[in-house]
Amino acid sequence: MRTQRKFHKTHMTRPRKAGAPRNRRRLEQKRRLVALGMKEEEVDRLNSRDVLTLLQRPKKIAVANGVDWKG
């Protein structure tokens, strides 16, 4: 049996996230940092890579800012 042509015509690259969903995700991540006790001015100065790095250890940020960590 042969494989059908429709299986060969797949997309070669994965579509990238569009502007609006990306901006929404970044805003959501910044809100998480503010909820963990960081100052909003501090968070606004961070670039997206720094925000992601900080969100890898939320407990550490919460404890440093005096927020009760719920886990």
Protein backbone atom coordinates (compact mmCIF):
# COMPACT_ATOMS: atom_id res chain seq x y z
CA MET A 1 0.00 0.00 0.00
CA ARG A 2 1.09 3.54 -0.67
CA THR A 3 0.95 6.51 1.63
CA GLN A 4 -1.43 9.18 0.49
CA ARG A 5 -0.35 12.53 -0.87
CA LYS A 6 -2.06 14.47 1.93
CA PHE A 7 0.41 13.05 4.46
CA HIS A 8 3.36 14.41 2.49
CA LYS A 9 1.99 17.96 2.32
CA THR A 10 2.53 18.89 5.95
CA HIS A 11 3.88 22.21 7.14
CA MET A 12 7.61 22.19 7.58
CA THR A 13 7.74 24.90 10.25
CA ARG A 14 5.61 25.41 13.28
CA PRO A 15 3.66 28.69 13.23
CA ARG A 16 4.95 31.34 15.59
CA LYS A 17 2.80 33.04 18.19
CA ALA A 18 1.23 36.23 16.89
CA GLY A 19 1.66 39.64 18.51
CA ALA A 20 -1.52 39.84 20.59
CA PRO A 21 -1.15 36.45 22.35
CA ARG A 22 2.52 37.16 23.01
CA ASN A 23 1.78 40.54 24.56
CA ARG A 24 -1.04 39.07 26.65
CA ARG A 25 1.28 36.35 27.98
CA ARG A 26 4.01 38.87 28.85
CA LEU A 27 1.53 41.11 30.67
CA GLU A 28 0.23 38.11 32.60
CA GLN A 29 3.77 37.15 33.65
CA LYS A 30 4.48 40.70 34.85
CA ARG A 31 1.28 40.63 36.90
CA ARG A 32 2.47 37.41 38.54
CA LEU A 33 5.70 39.11 39.62
CA VAL A 34 3.74 42.03 41.09
CA ALA A 35 1.54 39.53 42.95
CA LEU A 36 4.70 37.94 44.36
CA GLY A 37 5.59 41.25 45.97
CA MET A 38 7.87 42.98 43.47
CA LYS A 39 7.38 46.69 42.88
CA GLU A 40 5.58 47.57 39.67
CA GLU A 41 8.30 50.05 38.67
CA GLU A 42 10.91 47.31 39.06
CA VAL A 43 8.91 44.89 36.93
CA ASP A 44 8.38 47.47 34.18
CA ARG A 45 12.15 47.89 33.80
CA LEU A 46 12.73 44.15 33.22
CA ASN A 47 12.95 42.66 29.76
CA SER A 48 11.00 39.53 28.85
CA ARG A 49 13.96 37.16 29.41
CA ASP A 50 14.52 38.51 32.93
CA VAL A 51 10.82 38.10 33.73
CA LEU A 52 10.94 34.46 32.67
CA THR A 53 14.10 33.86 34.70
CA LEU A 54 12.53 35.34 37.82
CA LEU A 55 9.34 33.30 37.42
CA GLN A 56 11.33 30.07 37.47
CA ARG A 57 11.72 30.45 41.25
CA PRO A 58 8.51 32.10 42.53
CA LYS A 59 9.02 30.99 46.14
CA LYS A 60 12.40 32.69 46.30
CA ILE A 61 10.90 35.99 45.06
CA ALA A 62 7.93 35.79 47.43
CA VAL A 63 10.11 35.12 50.48
CA ALA A 64 12.53 37.91 49.54
CA ASN A 65 9.65 40.38 49.31
CA GLY A 66 7.96 39.28 52.53
CA VAL A 67 4.92 37.64 50.94
CA ASP A 68 3.45 34.48 52.47
CA TRP A 69 4.18 31.63 50.09
CA LYS A 70 1.19 29.33 49.59
CA GLY A 71 2.89 26.88 47.24
